[in-house]
Protein backbone atom coordinates (compact mmCIF):
# COMPACT_ATOMS: atom_id res chain seq x y z
CA MET A 1 47.80 -1.90 16.36
CA ALA A 2 46.36 2.00 16.09
CA GLU A 3 42.62 1.94 15.78
CA ARG A 4 41.26 2.33 12.23
CA LYS A 5 39.89 5.86 11.54
CA LEU A 6 36.09 6.45 10.70
CA LEU A 7 35.59 7.84 7.30
CA GLY A 8 33.72 10.51 8.44
CA GLU A 9 36.32 11.71 11.00
CA MET A 10 39.51 11.47 7.38
CA LEU A 11 37.19 13.25 5.43
CA ILE A 12 36.42 16.04 8.14
CA GLU A 13 40.64 15.52 8.77
CA ALA A 14 40.92 15.70 4.92
CA GLY A 15 38.52 19.35 4.74
CA LEU A 16 36.80 17.92 2.08
CA ILE A 17 33.40 18.35 4.09
CA THR A 18 32.28 20.60 7.43
CA GLU A 19 30.86 18.42 10.88
CA LYS A 20 27.71 19.89 9.54
CA GLU A 21 27.47 18.37 6.50
CA LEU A 22 28.99 14.77 8.33
CA ASP A 23 25.54 15.28 10.78
CA GLU A 24 23.16 15.80 8.01
CA ALA A 25 24.74 13.03 5.85
CA LEU A 26 24.57 10.63 8.94
CA LYS A 27 20.91 11.32 9.85
CA GLU A 28 20.27 10.49 6.13
CA GLN A 29 22.20 6.94 6.94
CA ALA A 30 19.96 6.59 9.92
CA LYS A 31 17.09 6.75 7.90
CA SER A 32 17.99 4.97 4.27
CA GLY A 33 20.86 2.51 5.50
CA GLY A 34 22.74 3.71 3.08
CA PHE A 35 26.76 3.85 2.57
CA LEU A 36 27.65 6.44 4.10
CA GLY A 37 30.03 7.65 1.25
CA ARG A 38 27.37 7.16 -1.27
CA ILE A 39 24.75 9.58 0.37
CA LEU A 40 28.18 11.84 0.83
CA VAL A 41 28.69 12.08 -3.11
CA GLU A 42 24.66 12.43 -3.84
CA LYS A 43 24.28 15.37 -1.27
CA GLY A 44 27.29 16.76 -3.54
CA TYR A 45 29.14 16.76 -0.01
CA VAL A 46 32.66 15.41 -1.74
CA SER A 47 33.60 14.01 -5.13
CA GLU A 48 33.61 10.53 -5.97
CA LYS A 49 37.08 10.95 -6.81
CA ASP A 50 38.08 12.19 -3.42
CA LEU A 51 35.74 9.61 -1.71
CA LYS A 52 37.72 6.99 -3.25
CA LYS A 53 41.02 8.26 -2.48
CA ILE A 54 39.94 8.14 1.56
CA LEU A 55 38.21 5.05 1.34
CA SER A 56 41.97 3.76 -0.27
CA THR A 57 43.68 5.50 2.36
CA GLN A 58 41.13 4.15 5.55
CA SER A 59 41.06 0.44 3.81
CA GLY A 60 44.54 -0.03 2.89
CA ILE A 61 43.08 -0.88 -0.81
CA GLU A 62 44.54 0.03 -3.70
CA MET A 63 42.79 2.47 -5.58
CA ILE A 64 42.87 2.31 -9.92
CA ASP A 65 42.11 4.43 -13.13
CA LEU A 66 39.89 1.63 -14.98
CA LYS A 67 39.82 3.98 -18.08
CA ASN A 68 44.07 4.27 -18.12
CA THR A 69 44.10 -0.06 -17.07
CA PRO A 70 44.23 -2.88 -19.07
CA ILE A 71 41.83 -5.51 -18.69
CA ASP A 72 42.40 -9.16 -19.19
CA LYS A 73 40.12 -10.96 -21.35
CA ASN A 74 41.21 -14.06 -19.41
CA ALA A 75 39.85 -12.72 -16.26
CA ILE A 76 36.84 -11.85 -17.57
CA SER A 77 36.35 -15.70 -19.24
CA ALA A 78 37.20 -16.49 -15.43
CA PHE A 79 34.60 -14.96 -13.97
CA PRO A 80 30.88 -15.48 -14.62
CA SER A 81 28.79 -12.37 -16.31
CA ALA A 82 25.97 -12.99 -13.48
CA LEU A 83 28.26 -12.64 -11.10
CA ALA A 84 29.72 -9.33 -12.17
CA LYS A 85 26.25 -7.65 -12.88
CA THR A 86 24.54 -8.82 -9.97
CA TYR A 87 27.29 -7.40 -7.69
CA ASN A 88 28.96 -4.81 -9.93
CA VAL A 89 32.43 -5.79 -9.96
CA LEU A 90 34.89 -6.33 -12.75
CA PRO A 91 37.39 -9.09 -13.14
CA ILE A 92 40.52 -7.02 -14.42
CA LYS A 93 43.75 -9.48 -13.61
CA LEU A 94 43.65 -13.31 -13.57
CA ASP A 95 47.65 -14.42 -12.38
CA LYS A 96 47.58 -18.25 -12.12
CA ASN A 97 45.21 -18.60 -9.43
CA LEU A 98 45.11 -15.05 -8.15
CA LEU A 99 41.89 -13.12 -9.40
CA THR A 100 42.18 -9.06 -9.51
CA LEU A 101 38.46 -7.36 -9.04
CA ALA A 102 37.49 -3.92 -9.27
CA VAL A 103 35.03 -2.59 -6.79
CA GLY A 104 33.59 0.78 -6.26
CA ASP A 105 33.07 0.86 -2.25
CA THR A 106 34.52 -1.19 0.37
CA LEU A 107 31.15 -2.48 1.22
CA SER A 108 32.03 -4.91 -1.41
CA LEU A 109 34.75 -6.17 -0.14
CA ASN A 110 32.69 -8.61 2.57
CA ILE A 111 31.76 -10.53 -0.60
CA GLN A 112 35.37 -11.33 -1.05
CA ASP A 113 35.55 -14.38 0.87
CA ASP A 114 32.02 -15.91 -0.85
CA ILE A 115 33.31 -15.37 -4.67
CA SER A 116 36.89 -16.65 -3.92
CA PHE A 117 34.85 -19.98 -2.45
CA ILE A 118 32.39 -19.84 -5.18
CA LEU A 119 35.06 -19.48 -8.29
CA GLY A 120 38.25 -21.43 -6.32
CA TYR A 121 40.58 -18.35 -6.94
CA LYS A 122 42.48 -16.22 -4.30
CA ILE A 123 40.73 -12.67 -4.80
CA LYS A 124 42.51 -9.58 -4.49
CA MET A 125 40.14 -6.49 -4.19
CA VAL A 126 41.06 -2.83 -6.10
CA LEU A 127 39.19 0.27 -5.80
CA ALA A 128 37.92 2.28 -8.74
CA ASP A 129 35.31 4.49 -9.94
CA GLU A 130 31.29 2.92 -9.93
CA GLU A 131 30.18 4.28 -13.23
CA ASP A 132 33.79 3.04 -14.54
CA ILE A 133 32.80 -0.40 -13.34
CA LYS A 134 29.34 -0.20 -14.67
CA GLU A 135 30.32 1.04 -18.24
CA ASN A 136 33.37 -2.02 -18.53
CA ILE A 137 30.78 -4.70 -17.58
CA ASN A 138 28.17 -3.65 -20.13
CA VAL A 139 31.80 -3.20 -22.99
CA TYR A 140 32.56 -6.84 -22.17
CA TYR A 141 29.77 -8.60 -20.98
CA GLY A 142 26.97 -7.06 -22.81
CA SER A 143 24.10 -4.59 -21.04
CA GLU A 144 21.61 -7.44 -20.19
CA MET A 145 21.10 -8.34 -16.81
CA GLU A 146 21.59 -11.98 -16.17
CA THR A 147 19.83 -13.67 -13.21
CA ILE A 148 20.99 -16.25 -10.50
CA ASP A 149 19.71 -19.14 -13.17
CA ASP A 150 22.53 -17.88 -15.46
CA LEU A 151 25.48 -18.61 -12.64
CA ILE A 152 23.68 -21.93 -12.09
CA LYS A 153 24.37 -22.61 -15.80
CA TRP A 154 28.00 -21.63 -14.81
CA ILE A 155 28.70 -23.49 -12.16
CA SER A 156 27.02 -26.87 -14.26
CA GLN A 157 28.97 -26.72 -16.79
CA ASP A 158 31.60 -29.00 -15.55
CA MET A 159 29.65 -32.07 -16.69
CA SER A 160 31.96 -34.56 -13.99
CA GLU A 161 30.86 -33.49 -11.43
CA MET A 162 27.05 -32.87 -12.31
CA GLU A 163 26.56 -36.50 -13.62
CA GLU A 164 28.54 -37.58 -10.34
CA LEU A 165 25.91 -35.52 -8.58
CA GLU A 166 23.01 -36.67 -10.54
CA THR A 167 24.19 -40.32 -9.99
CA LEU A 168 24.36 -40.12 -6.53
CA ALA A 169 20.89 -38.39 -6.06
CA SER A 170 19.09 -40.31 -8.11
CA GLY A 171 20.08 -43.53 -6.36
CA HIS A 172 19.60 -42.81 -2.56
CA GLY A 173 15.34 -43.48 -1.57
CA GLU A 174 14.17 -43.89 1.83
CA TYR A 175 16.75 -45.93 3.08
CA ALA A 176 19.97 -43.81 2.21
CA THR A 177 22.77 -43.56 5.02
CA ILE A 178 23.46 -40.32 6.53
CA THR A 179 27.23 -40.88 5.30
CA SER A 180 26.13 -40.95 1.49
CA LEU A 181 23.84 -37.59 2.05
CA GLU A 182 26.50 -35.81 3.62
CA GLU A 183 28.59 -36.80 0.39
CA ILE A 184 25.79 -35.37 -1.69
CA ALA A 185 25.38 -32.44 -0.02
CA SER A 186 29.45 -31.59 -0.06
CA LEU A 187 29.75 -31.30 -4.04
CA PRO A 188 31.20 -28.33 -5.11
CA PRO A 189 28.28 -27.36 -7.09
CA VAL A 190 25.71 -27.62 -4.43
CA VAL A 191 28.20 -25.65 -1.76
CA LYS A 192 28.22 -23.50 -4.32
CA LEU A 193 24.77 -22.93 -5.33
CA PHE A 194 24.20 -22.67 -1.66
CA ASP A 195 26.34 -19.76 -0.75
CA LEU A 196 24.66 -18.28 -4.17
CA ILE A 197 21.19 -18.78 -2.99
CA LEU A 198 22.26 -16.59 0.67
CA LEU A 199 24.62 -13.94 -1.02
CA GLN A 200 21.42 -12.85 -3.51
CA THR A 201 18.81 -13.11 -0.70
CA VAL A 202 20.97 -11.03 1.84
CA ARG A 203 21.52 -8.64 -1.32
CA ASP A 204 17.87 -7.92 -1.80
CA ASN A 205 17.23 -7.57 1.73
CA ALA A 206 14.44 -10.47 1.14
CA SER A 207 13.36 -11.67 4.36
CA ASP A 208 12.17 -15.46 3.26
CA VAL A 209 13.35 -17.80 0.81
CA HIS A 210 11.43 -21.09 0.14
CA LEU A 211 12.84 -24.58 -1.74
CA GLU A 212 9.68 -25.90 -3.06
CA PRO A 213 9.39 -29.38 -5.18
CA PHE A 214 7.03 -30.24 -7.96
CA GLU A 215 6.86 -33.39 -10.38
CA LYS A 216 8.82 -31.91 -12.95
CA ASP A 217 10.03 -28.52 -11.82
CA PHE A 218 11.74 -27.70 -8.37
CA ARG A 219 11.82 -23.68 -7.86
CA VAL A 220 13.44 -21.16 -5.11
CA ARG A 221 11.62 -18.16 -4.63
CA TYR A 222 12.12 -15.43 -1.94
CA ARG A 223 10.10 -12.97 -0.31
CA VAL A 224 11.21 -9.22 -0.94
CA ASP A 225 8.84 -6.16 0.38
CA GLY A 226 6.31 -8.73 1.09
CA VAL A 227 6.15 -10.19 -2.61
CA LEU A 228 7.26 -13.30 -3.91
CA TYR A 229 9.67 -13.92 -6.79
CA ASP A 230 11.35 -16.11 -8.73
CA MET A 231 14.74 -16.80 -7.28
CA VAL A 232 16.23 -19.95 -9.54
CA HIS A 233 14.77 -23.43 -11.06
CA PRO A 234 17.82 -25.18 -10.30
CA PRO A 235 18.40 -28.68 -12.30
CA LYS A 236 16.56 -31.63 -10.78
CA GLY A 237 19.98 -33.39 -9.41
CA LEU A 238 20.68 -30.00 -7.66
CA SER A 239 17.25 -30.26 -5.60
CA PHE A 240 17.82 -33.09 -3.15
CA ALA A 241 21.51 -32.25 -2.88
CA LEU A 242 20.33 -28.85 -2.50
CA PHE A 243 18.09 -30.17 0.38
CA CYS A 244 20.68 -31.92 1.98
CA ARG A 245 22.89 -29.16 2.45
CA PHE A 246 20.71 -26.78 3.89
CA LYS A 247 19.40 -29.52 6.80
CA ILE A 248 22.84 -30.29 7.54
CA MET A 249 23.77 -26.63 8.23
CA ALA A 250 20.61 -26.33 10.29
CA SER A 251 21.58 -29.53 12.25
CA MET A 252 18.10 -31.30 11.31
CA ASP A 253 18.36 -35.06 10.80
CA ILE A 254 18.95 -35.53 6.93
CA ALA A 255 17.94 -38.90 6.84
CA GLU A 256 14.14 -37.59 7.92
CA ARG A 257 11.85 -37.24 5.11
CA ARG A 258 8.64 -38.11 6.61
CA LEU A 259 8.16 -35.31 9.38
CA PRO A 260 8.35 -31.83 10.00
CA GLN A 261 11.61 -30.14 11.03
CA ASP A 262 12.55 -27.18 12.45
CA GLY A 263 16.23 -25.90 12.94
CA ARG A 264 18.50 -22.92 12.79
CA ILE A 265 21.81 -21.61 10.80
CA GLU A 266 23.79 -18.87 11.90
CA LEU A 267 26.24 -17.50 10.03
CA SER A 268 27.92 -14.28 8.17
CA VAL A 269 27.03 -13.48 4.63
CA MET A 270 28.03 -10.29 3.03
CA GLY A 271 30.19 -9.50 6.44
CA ARG A 272 26.32 -9.59 8.38
CA PRO A 273 25.64 -12.13 10.54
CA VAL A 274 22.71 -13.47 9.51
CA ASP A 275 19.94 -15.98 11.23
CA LEU A 276 18.34 -18.79 9.49
CA ARG A 277 15.23 -19.99 10.60
CA VAL A 278 14.48 -23.17 8.46
CA ASN A 279 11.56 -25.20 8.52
CA THR A 280 10.61 -28.61 6.06
CA VAL A 281 7.23 -30.15 5.74
CA PRO A 282 6.88 -33.65 3.57
CA THR A 283 4.86 -32.93 0.34
CA VAL A 284 3.79 -35.70 -2.30
CA PHE A 285 6.86 -35.15 -4.48
CA GLY A 286 9.28 -34.44 -1.30
CA GLU A 287 10.14 -32.31 1.07
CA CYS A 288 9.59 -28.38 1.09
CA LEU A 289 11.56 -25.73 2.83
CA ALA A 290 10.58 -22.44 4.11
CA ILE A 291 13.74 -20.19 5.37
CA ARG A 292 13.23 -17.16 7.40
CA VAL A 293 15.89 -14.92 7.34
CA LEU A 294 17.00 -12.80 10.09
CA ASP A 295 19.60 -10.39 9.12
CA ARG A 296 21.24 -8.80 12.36
CA GLY A 297 22.86 -6.59 10.51
CA LYS A 298 19.83 -4.42 9.37
CA THR A 299 19.13 -0.88 11.29
CA ILE A 300 17.12 -1.05 13.83
CA PHE A 301 14.27 1.47 12.58
CA ASP A 302 13.46 4.77 15.06
CA MET A 303 10.09 5.71 15.75
CA GLU A 304 9.89 8.27 13.28
CA ASN A 305 11.08 5.79 10.71
CA LEU A 306 8.54 3.53 11.04
CA GLY A 307 5.72 5.62 8.72
CA LEU A 308 3.85 6.91 12.42
CA LEU A 309 1.97 10.22 11.05
CA LYS A 310 2.14 13.20 13.17
CA GLU A 311 -1.17 12.25 15.17
CA GLU A 312 -0.12 8.78 15.55
CA MET A 313 3.49 9.76 17.15
CA ASP A 314 1.66 11.85 19.70
CA ILE A 315 -0.40 8.85 20.79
CA VAL A 316 2.58 6.19 20.79
CA GLU A 317 4.40 8.65 23.12
CA ASN A 318 1.77 8.85 25.63
CA LEU A 319 1.41 5.88 25.38
CA ILE A 320 5.15 4.66 26.13
CA HIS A 321 5.87 6.89 28.90
CA ARG A 322 3.54 5.38 31.05
CA PRO A 323 5.28 4.14 34.23
CA HIS A 324 3.33 0.60 33.92
CA GLY A 325 0.55 -1.59 31.26
CA ILE A 326 1.34 -3.83 28.51
CA ILE A 327 1.29 -2.14 24.83
CA LEU A 328 0.58 -4.97 22.11
CA ALA A 329 1.42 -4.65 18.36
CA THR A 330 0.07 -7.27 16.29
CA GLY A 331 -1.26 -8.40 12.92
CA PRO A 332 -0.12 -11.64 11.13
CA THR A 333 3.31 -13.28 10.63
CA GLY A 334 5.87 -10.74 8.79
CA CYS A 335 4.20 -7.34 9.22
CA GLY A 336 7.00 -5.74 10.93
CA LYS A 337 5.59 -6.26 14.88
CA THR A 338 8.74 -7.08 16.15
CA THR A 339 10.36 -3.83 14.46
CA THR A 340 7.94 -1.60 15.97
CA LEU A 341 8.70 -2.77 19.36
CA TYR A 342 12.15 -2.23 19.03
CA ALA A 343 12.03 1.19 17.75
CA LEU A 344 9.66 1.83 21.13
CA LEU A 345 12.61 0.19 23.06
CA ARG A 346 15.20 2.21 21.07
CA LYS A 347 13.18 5.56 22.27
CA LEU A 348 13.00 3.97 26.15
CA ASN A 349 16.21 2.53 26.49
CA THR A 350 18.27 5.39 28.89
CA PRO A 351 20.85 4.64 31.45
CA GLU A 352 17.61 5.12 34.05
CA VAL A 353 16.06 1.97 33.10
CA LYS A 354 16.43 -1.82 32.73
CA LEU A 355 15.08 -3.40 29.76
CA ILE A 356 15.06 -7.26 29.16
CA THR A 357 13.78 -8.87 26.49
CA THR A 358 12.80 -12.67 25.57
CA GLU A 359 12.39 -13.99 22.55
CA ASP A 360 12.47 -16.36 20.32
CA PRO A 361 15.03 -16.39 18.66
CA VAL A 362 16.21 -12.53 19.34
CA GLU A 363 16.00 -10.70 15.91
CA TYR A 364 17.80 -7.64 16.67
CA MET A 365 20.84 -6.83 19.12
CA LEU A 366 20.24 -3.57 20.96
CA ASP A 367 22.92 -1.98 23.11
CA GLY A 368 21.50 -1.23 26.73
CA ALA A 369 19.11 -4.07 26.79
CA VAL A 370 19.16 -7.44 28.98
CA GLN A 371 18.47 -10.31 25.72
CA VAL A 372 17.41 -13.78 26.70
CA PRO A 373 16.04 -16.39 24.21
CA VAL A 374 13.92 -19.17 24.64
CA LYS A 375 14.67 -22.22 24.14
CA GLU A 376 11.67 -24.64 24.57
CA SER A 377 13.47 -27.60 24.16
CA ILE A 378 14.58 -27.67 27.62
CA GLY A 379 11.93 -26.05 29.34
CA LEU A 380 12.59 -22.24 29.29
CA THR A 381 9.34 -21.21 27.71
CA PHE A 382 8.05 -17.79 27.46
CA ALA A 383 6.42 -18.04 30.72
CA ALA A 384 9.08 -19.10 32.73
CA CYS A 385 11.79 -16.84 30.98
CA ILE A 386 9.55 -13.59 32.05
CA ARG A 387 9.40 -15.36 35.91
CA SER A 388 12.90 -15.07 35.80
CA ILE A 389 13.33 -12.34 34.18
CA LEU A 390 11.37 -10.34 37.11
CA ARG A 391 14.10 -11.23 39.96
CA GLN A 392 16.45 -9.08 37.58
CA ASP A 393 14.73 -6.00 39.00
CA PRO A 394 13.52 -5.09 35.21
CA ASP A 395 11.43 -1.56 35.02
CA ILE A 396 10.61 -2.68 31.06
CA ILE A 397 10.05 -6.29 29.49
CA LEU A 398 9.65 -7.34 25.79
CA VAL A 399 7.90 -10.40 25.30
CA GLY A 400 8.56 -11.59 21.89
CA GLU A 401 4.94 -13.46 21.94
CA ILE A 402 2.17 -13.90 23.74
CA ARG A 403 1.49 -18.07 22.56
CA ASP A 404 -0.45 -19.22 25.54
CA PHE A 405 -2.96 -18.60 29.32
CA ASP A 406 0.76 -19.22 31.18
CA THR A 407 2.72 -16.10 29.26
CA ALA A 408 -0.53 -13.90 29.31
CA GLN A 409 -0.95 -14.36 32.64
CA MET A 410 2.95 -14.12 33.46
CA ALA A 411 2.77 -10.84 30.90
CA ILE A 412 -0.34 -9.75 33.39
CA GLN A 413 1.01 -10.33 36.57
CA SER A 414 4.30 -7.90 35.53
CA SER A 415 2.22 -5.23 34.65
CA LEU A 416 0.53 -5.23 37.76
CA THR A 417 3.38 -5.09 39.79
CA GLY A 418 4.62 -2.03 38.25
CA HIS A 419 6.33 -2.76 35.11
CA LEU A 420 6.02 -1.98 31.53
CA VAL A 421 5.47 -4.62 29.11
CA LEU A 422 5.86 -4.97 25.75
CA SER A 423 4.53 -7.97 23.17
CA THR A 424 2.80 -9.06 19.77
CA LEU A 425 0.39 -11.64 19.28
CA HIS A 426 -0.84 -12.71 15.97
CA THR A 427 -4.44 -10.74 15.30
CA ASN A 428 -6.08 -9.30 12.60
CA ASP A 429 -7.00 -6.17 13.80
CA ALA A 430 -6.34 -4.37 16.84
CA PRO A 431 -10.59 -4.66 18.19
CA THR A 432 -9.55 -8.75 17.21
CA THR A 433 -7.22 -8.71 19.48
CA ILE A 434 -9.12 -8.17 22.72
CA MET A 435 -11.01 -11.11 21.88
CA ARG A 436 -8.35 -13.24 21.04
CA LEU A 437 -6.98 -12.95 24.80
CA VAL A 438 -10.32 -13.81 26.04
CA ASP A 439 -10.34 -16.94 24.11
CA MET A 440 -6.93 -17.56 26.08
CA LYS A 441 -8.90 -17.51 29.27
CA VAL A 442 -7.65 -14.72 30.39
CA GLU A 443 -10.08 -12.48 32.35
CA PRO A 444 -11.74 -9.35 31.14
CA PHE A 445 -11.62 -7.41 34.09
CA LEU A 446 -7.34 -8.11 33.55
CA LEU A 447 -7.36 -6.92 30.64
CA ALA A 448 -9.13 -4.09 31.65
CA SER A 449 -6.80 -3.11 34.29
CA THR A 450 -3.32 -3.59 32.19
CA ILE A 451 -3.70 -3.36 28.59
CA GLY A 452 -2.88 0.54 27.66
CA GLY A 453 -3.15 0.31 23.83
CA ILE A 454 -3.06 -2.27 20.88
CA ILE A 455 -0.75 -1.64 17.90
CA ALA A 456 -2.07 -3.31 14.73
CA GLN A 457 -0.22 -2.79 11.67
CA ARG A 458 0.47 -4.09 8.17
CA LEU A 459 3.08 -3.40 6.02
CA VAL A 460 2.79 -1.87 2.23
CA ARG A 461 5.42 -1.18 -0.64
CA VAL A 462 6.74 2.19 -0.97
CA LEU A 463 5.90 3.63 -4.59
CA CYS A 464 9.79 4.77 -6.16
CA SER A 465 9.79 8.28 -5.86
CA ARG A 466 11.72 8.47 -9.01
CA CYS A 467 9.24 6.74 -11.55
CA LYS A 468 5.72 7.30 -9.71
CA GLU A 469 3.36 9.32 -11.50
CA GLU A 470 0.19 10.89 -10.53
CA TYR A 471 -3.16 9.32 -12.07
CA ARG A 472 -7.14 9.40 -11.63
CA PRO A 473 -7.96 5.97 -10.36
CA THR A 474 -10.91 4.16 -12.01
CA LYS A 475 -14.37 3.91 -10.50
CA GLN A 476 -13.57 -0.24 -9.06
CA GLU A 477 -10.94 1.28 -7.90
CA ILE A 478 -12.51 3.93 -5.71
CA ILE A 479 -15.44 1.84 -5.03
CA GLU A 480 -12.71 -1.45 -3.45
CA LEU A 481 -10.77 1.90 -1.27
CA GLY A 482 -14.41 2.49 0.57
CA ILE A 483 -14.55 6.05 -0.41
CA SER A 484 -16.61 8.46 -1.97
CA ASP A 485 -16.28 10.04 -4.70
CA GLU A 486 -16.34 13.37 -3.30
CA VAL A 487 -13.06 12.48 -1.00
CA ALA A 488 -11.18 11.18 -4.26
CA GLU A 489 -11.61 14.50 -6.23
CA GLN A 490 -9.53 15.77 -2.91
CA MET A 491 -7.11 13.26 -3.05
CA LYS A 492 -3.94 12.85 -4.99
CA PHE A 493 -3.21 9.34 -6.49
CA TYR A 494 0.25 7.86 -7.58
CA LYS A 495 0.66 4.30 -9.65
CA PRO A 496 4.39 2.50 -9.93
CA VAL A 497 5.74 2.63 -13.71
CA GLY A 498 9.09 0.69 -12.83
CA CYS A 499 12.51 1.84 -13.17
CA PRO A 500 16.22 0.43 -12.78
CA PHE A 501 16.25 1.84 -9.14
CA CYS A 502 12.89 -0.62 -8.15
CA ARG A 503 11.42 -3.37 -8.21
CA GLY A 504 8.28 -3.13 -10.17
CA GLY A 505 7.99 0.38 -9.20
CA TYR A 506 8.21 -0.04 -5.26
CA LYS A 507 11.21 0.08 -3.00
CA GLY A 508 11.44 -0.48 0.76
CA ARG A 509 7.94 -0.65 2.92
CA VAL A 510 6.19 1.00 5.34
CA ALA A 511 3.72 0.15 8.32
CA ILE A 512 0.22 1.34 8.12
CA PHE A 513 -1.23 1.83 11.64
CA GLU A 514 -4.41 1.22 14.05
CA ILE A 515 -3.98 2.28 17.20
CA LEU A 516 -6.48 0.94 19.63
CA ILE A 517 -6.57 3.02 23.27
CA PRO A 518 -9.24 1.43 25.02
CA ASN A 519 -11.72 2.89 27.54
CA GLU A 520 -14.01 1.88 30.08
CA ASN A 521 -17.33 1.69 27.56
CA LEU A 522 -15.45 -0.79 25.60
CA TRP A 523 -14.25 -2.66 28.38
CA ARG A 524 -17.43 -2.77 29.69
CA CYS A 525 -19.12 -4.45 26.16
CA VAL A 526 -16.49 -6.87 26.35
CA LEU A 527 -17.32 -8.09 30.15
CA GLU A 528 -20.78 -7.91 28.51
CA LYS A 529 -20.03 -10.43 25.76
CA LYS A 530 -21.00 -8.32 23.12
CA PRO A 531 -20.41 -8.84 19.44
CA LEU A 532 -17.32 -7.59 17.83
CA GLY A 533 -19.03 -5.00 15.73
CA GLU A 534 -20.13 -3.90 18.59
CA ILE A 535 -16.94 -3.56 19.96
CA ARG A 536 -15.53 -2.38 16.76
CA GLU A 537 -18.43 0.88 17.00
CA ILE A 538 -16.84 2.07 20.34
CA ALA A 539 -13.21 1.68 19.10
CA THR A 540 -13.64 3.82 15.89
CA GLY A 541 -15.94 5.92 17.66
CA GLU A 542 -15.59 7.16 21.08
CA CYS A 543 -12.22 5.95 21.77
CA GLY A 544 -11.56 7.71 18.32
CA MET A 545 -9.17 4.46 16.84
CA LYS A 546 -8.55 4.99 13.53
CA THR A 547 -8.70 1.98 10.87
CA LEU A 548 -5.88 0.55 8.99
CA VAL A 549 -7.46 1.59 5.72
CA GLN A 550 -7.98 5.41 7.20
CA ASP A 551 -4.53 4.97 7.81
CA GLY A 552 -3.59 3.63 4.54
CA ILE A 553 -5.56 5.95 2.45
CA GLU A 554 -3.85 9.19 3.90
CA LYS A 555 -0.41 7.86 2.98
CA ILE A 556 -1.99 6.91 -0.41
CA ASN A 557 -3.07 11.08 -0.30
CA LEU A 558 0.68 11.59 0.52
CA GLY A 559 2.44 9.75 -2.28
CA ILE A 560 3.65 6.91 -0.26
CA THR A 561 2.01 3.98 -1.11
CA SER A 562 -1.03 2.94 -4.09
CA ILE A 563 -4.40 1.98 -3.95
CA GLU A 564 -3.73 -1.74 -5.07
CA GLU A 565 -1.45 -2.26 -1.95
CA ILE A 566 -3.54 -1.08 0.15
CA ILE A 567 -6.46 -2.68 -1.29
CA ARG A 568 -3.77 -5.77 -1.14
CA GLU A 569 -2.94 -6.03 2.23
CA VAL A 570 -6.05 -4.62 4.17
CA HIS A 571 -9.43 -5.52 1.97
CA GLY A 572 -11.97 -6.51 4.57
CA TYR A 573 -10.42 -4.65 7.30
CA GLY A 574 -12.19 -1.42 7.34
């Protein structure tokens, strides 16, 4: 079977774009992670029509003109409007059990199996103009955007299934059998809701999902760009069953509802490999689930895309090219520490060096690196992994997290024996990281000999470039930001507005940094057990460390983020 040609290659062969135009589009794709064809159209290098023809040839999918295609009303009735609007697909024909859907690009082909399962039809995809699809959706379904709640209502139309679910759920208390719980979790409405939640989670690039029971309500929320949003409020009958579904998929004990549990789900959503880390805790109204979403299909950032300003980039470049030492990325959970370290690894990843990582779990796949997952249940801890890794003749080691003295000690020993070690730690800022390691009983003189630099960071939302507006902040905002009126007069400030292309005026996130390169005087203060305030003064003075707030202020002035974002993330750490 002949290997399928790449889209860019086919466009060049057809004479529709040049190699230079393709290179520019690929660079843009590496930054944004968007669809290559869409980028080429937006840059004006190729028309929508010509792109669709090439995509049709590449994928073997029929291309149609919606303006000259009759729309089957039965297909419209059989397809929920919220699903059409969420995924921008248009049902055009229903022939017995075969439903034909028009999609705007080949990426949408990845949801074919998911839609097939949710609706119970066999699905055939055809390509059509994206704007024509949107226009027809508005004609047949109305222009008002619907939510996943509308999909729940649509799923719940089969009253016999819902009544069966309610009966089963209400009859199962403390002593429910595993068989009966598995029966509940396998009912069609439950499985469909499970799939819909995951589809929405991956599509909106959510990092976490929360299933929260209350006395009279049950809600599902997800975190997008660091902010929690309501996703859906399922009926009570679905809530208990949904918990069972997640626990079965995560290989947890579904009969145990009194103790916290941890589990993991590995699956493919929209054609992308996704790893879900599931945690349950008992509450007065039932179990509460928190799910961390690791989308392995996401692009790993390069250093240039992290948000480092030029001065910071130069510091980090010098730091990572040292032959040995420890580089620490610090901050709270979900602040992008691992992403930053992987961006550094990509810079260091050459044929001349051997990279080995040990993580719990492995969050990103990096070609050229040996990646070892931690399994504490069988005694394979971070410290044990490092001991084994050292026998593999590595040049650079990534330790997912320093959690205890043993791991810290092994990281230090690795550094002292000529290895460059990268790792993470949960602390508020860079100076606090040193004190945290001292609290772990690590000798200060060992820290002074090994730590090359500490990178503290936070993630702040990026203002939407399409709708942000320049404005003058209030006196209170200037005070909260911690700058003088004179400085504020020299700066530009932008506020979020909101448009159809963003979420409340923001789209995506970028990191703000605090990079500490300790000097001898700072280590002397640590050895003498000086207060943290004195250590921080030396860090910002002699060591030239720019604080998180100061970095945030620069990004405000550049129009990247807003005052409210900096205050929300780093207030009190200036």
